[in-house]
């Protein structure tokens, strides 16, 4: 490979990296629209409060049933779950199947792209509701 081709390959990789960054932003944007299904019960962001459901700041990596001031079901508190991406993806498809006895009444989100986008949206918020 010549220097000219090496440079072209490096430029192509750099552009691909930029494009994937833009795709992530678009996913989070689309995830905000998916989050509209959750907004009746949950909040995110610096001013988020517990409502019908707990605030979802810092969800990924958090132990289930651990948001201070929220009255969880015994099923949720005793689930032993930590909200990693795989666990959340399974849960959001059918909350009552993943945590029998949860008080969360939600039909679920089954569209994989919607779930991808929702995860991208939620991952933006740290435990204090600041965008990462």
Protein backbone atom coordinates (compact mmCIF):
# COMPACT_ATOMS: atom_id res chain seq x y z
CA UNK A 1 0.00 0.00 0.00
CA UNK A 2 1.37 3.41 -0.87
CA UNK A 3 1.37 6.46 1.36
CA UNK A 4 -1.45 7.94 -0.72
CA UNK A 5 -3.63 4.87 -0.09
CA UNK A 6 -2.74 4.80 3.62
CA UNK A 7 -3.84 8.40 3.95
CA UNK A 8 -7.10 7.66 2.12
CA UNK A 9 -7.78 4.68 4.37
CA UNK A 10 -7.10 6.76 7.49
CA UNK A 11 -9.39 9.52 6.24
CA UNK A 12 -12.14 7.00 5.51
CA UNK A 13 -11.83 5.58 9.03
CA UNK A 14 -11.97 9.07 10.55
CA UNK A 15 -15.11 9.88 8.58
CA UNK A 16 -16.68 6.59 9.62
CA UNK A 17 -15.95 7.50 13.25
CA UNK A 18 -17.61 10.88 12.82
CA UNK A 19 -20.62 9.28 11.17
CA UNK A 20 -21.02 6.78 14.00
CA UNK A 21 -20.90 9.64 16.53
CA UNK A 22 -23.66 11.36 14.62
CA UNK A 23 -25.63 8.11 14.57
CA UNK A 24 -25.35 7.89 18.36
CA UNK A 25 -26.71 11.41 18.71
CA UNK A 26 -29.56 10.53 16.39
CA UNK A 27 -30.27 7.39 18.43
CA UNK A 28 -30.50 9.44 21.63
CA UNK A 29 -32.75 11.93 19.86
CA UNK A 30 -34.99 9.12 18.66
CA UNK A 31 -34.83 7.65 22.16
CA UNK A 32 -36.27 10.85 23.59
CA UNK A 33 -39.34 10.23 21.42
CA UNK A 34 -39.55 6.63 22.67
CA UNK A 35 -39.21 7.92 26.24
CA UNK A 36 -42.53 9.73 25.72
CA UNK A 37 -44.11 6.31 26.46
CA UNK A 38 -42.34 6.32 29.85
CA UNK A 39 -42.81 9.99 30.72
CA UNK A 40 -46.23 9.51 32.32
CA UNK A 41 -44.49 7.72 35.21
CA UNK A 42 -40.75 8.48 34.99
CA UNK A 43 -38.52 11.54 34.72
CA UNK A 44 -34.86 12.11 33.78
CA UNK A 45 -32.65 15.16 33.98
CA UNK A 46 -31.36 17.55 36.63
CA UNK A 47 -34.87 18.45 37.84
CA UNK A 48 -36.22 14.86 37.76
CA UNK A 49 -38.35 13.72 40.65
CA UNK A 50 -39.91 10.42 41.62
CA UNK A 51 -43.50 10.16 40.48
CA UNK A 52 -45.64 7.14 39.82
CA UNK A 53 -42.26 5.51 39.00
CA UNK A 54 -38.74 6.34 40.15
CA UNK A 55 -36.56 8.86 38.35
CA UNK A 56 -34.33 7.11 35.82
CA UNK A 57 -31.13 9.16 36.15
CA UNK A 58 -28.07 6.91 36.18
CA UNK A 59 -30.17 3.86 35.44
CA UNK A 60 -27.50 1.78 33.70
CA UNK A 61 -25.27 0.36 36.43
CA UNK A 62 -27.74 1.04 39.26
CA UNK A 63 -29.14 -1.65 41.55
CA UNK A 64 -32.87 -2.24 41.15
CA UNK A 65 -34.98 -0.75 43.93
CA UNK A 66 -32.33 1.73 45.04
CA UNK A 67 -33.60 5.24 44.22
CA UNK A 68 -33.89 7.11 47.49
CA UNK A 69 -37.40 8.25 48.35
CA UNK A 70 -39.24 5.90 45.99
CA UNK A 71 -41.59 3.25 47.40
CA UNK A 72 -40.68 0.12 45.41
CA UNK A 73 -42.56 -3.16 45.36
CA UNK A 74 -41.01 -5.96 47.41
CA UNK A 75 -40.53 -7.84 44.11
CA UNK A 76 -38.39 -5.06 42.70
CA UNK A 77 -36.41 -4.44 45.90
CA UNK A 78 -35.74 -8.16 46.25
CA UNK A 79 -34.99 -8.86 42.58
CA UNK A 80 -31.23 -8.64 43.00
CA UNK A 81 -31.01 -7.02 39.56
CA UNK A 82 -28.50 -4.44 38.45
CA UNK A 83 -29.66 -2.42 35.48
CA UNK A 84 -27.09 -3.18 32.84
CA UNK A 85 -28.11 -2.87 29.20
CA UNK A 86 -29.02 -6.54 28.75
CA UNK A 87 -31.18 -6.63 31.89
CA UNK A 88 -32.96 -3.39 31.00
CA UNK A 89 -33.60 -4.58 27.44
CA UNK A 90 -35.20 -7.77 28.72
CA UNK A 91 -37.18 -5.92 31.39
CA UNK A 92 -38.58 -3.20 29.14
CA UNK A 93 -40.00 -5.81 26.75
CA UNK A 94 -42.17 -7.29 29.51
CA UNK A 95 -41.61 -5.89 33.01
CA UNK A 96 -43.92 -8.35 34.77
CA UNK A 97 -42.22 -11.35 33.17
CA UNK A 98 -38.75 -10.15 34.23
CA UNK A 99 -39.81 -9.13 37.76
CA UNK A 100 -42.99 -11.01 38.73
CA UNK A 101 -44.89 -8.97 41.29
CA UNK A 102 -43.58 -5.59 40.16
CA UNK A 103 -46.08 -2.78 40.50
CA UNK A 104 -45.00 -1.39 37.13
CA UNK A 105 -48.01 -1.61 34.86
CA UNK A 106 -46.64 -1.24 31.35
CA UNK A 107 -47.28 -3.31 28.24
CA UNK A 108 -43.62 -3.10 27.26
CA UNK A 109 -41.61 -1.99 24.26
CA UNK A 110 -40.74 -4.82 21.89
CA UNK A 111 -39.31 -3.01 18.88
CA UNK A 112 -35.53 -3.57 19.07
CA UNK A 113 -34.68 -0.25 17.38
CA UNK A 114 -36.92 1.62 19.83
CA UNK A 115 -35.17 -0.16 22.71
CA UNK A 116 -31.74 0.70 21.26
CA UNK A 117 -32.76 4.33 21.00
CA UNK A 118 -34.27 4.38 24.49
CA UNK A 119 -31.08 2.93 25.97
CA UNK A 120 -29.00 5.57 24.13
CA UNK A 121 -31.27 8.28 25.53
CA UNK A 122 -31.18 7.03 29.12
CA UNK A 123 -27.41 6.47 29.07
CA UNK A 124 -26.93 10.22 28.57
CA UNK A 125 -27.94 10.95 32.16
CA UNK A 126 -25.65 10.38 35.13
CA UNK A 127 -27.00 9.75 38.65
CA UNK A 128 -27.47 13.50 39.16
CA UNK A 129 -29.35 13.94 35.90
CA UNK A 130 -26.51 15.71 34.14
CA UNK A 131 -25.93 14.80 30.52
CA UNK A 132 -22.70 12.91 30.14
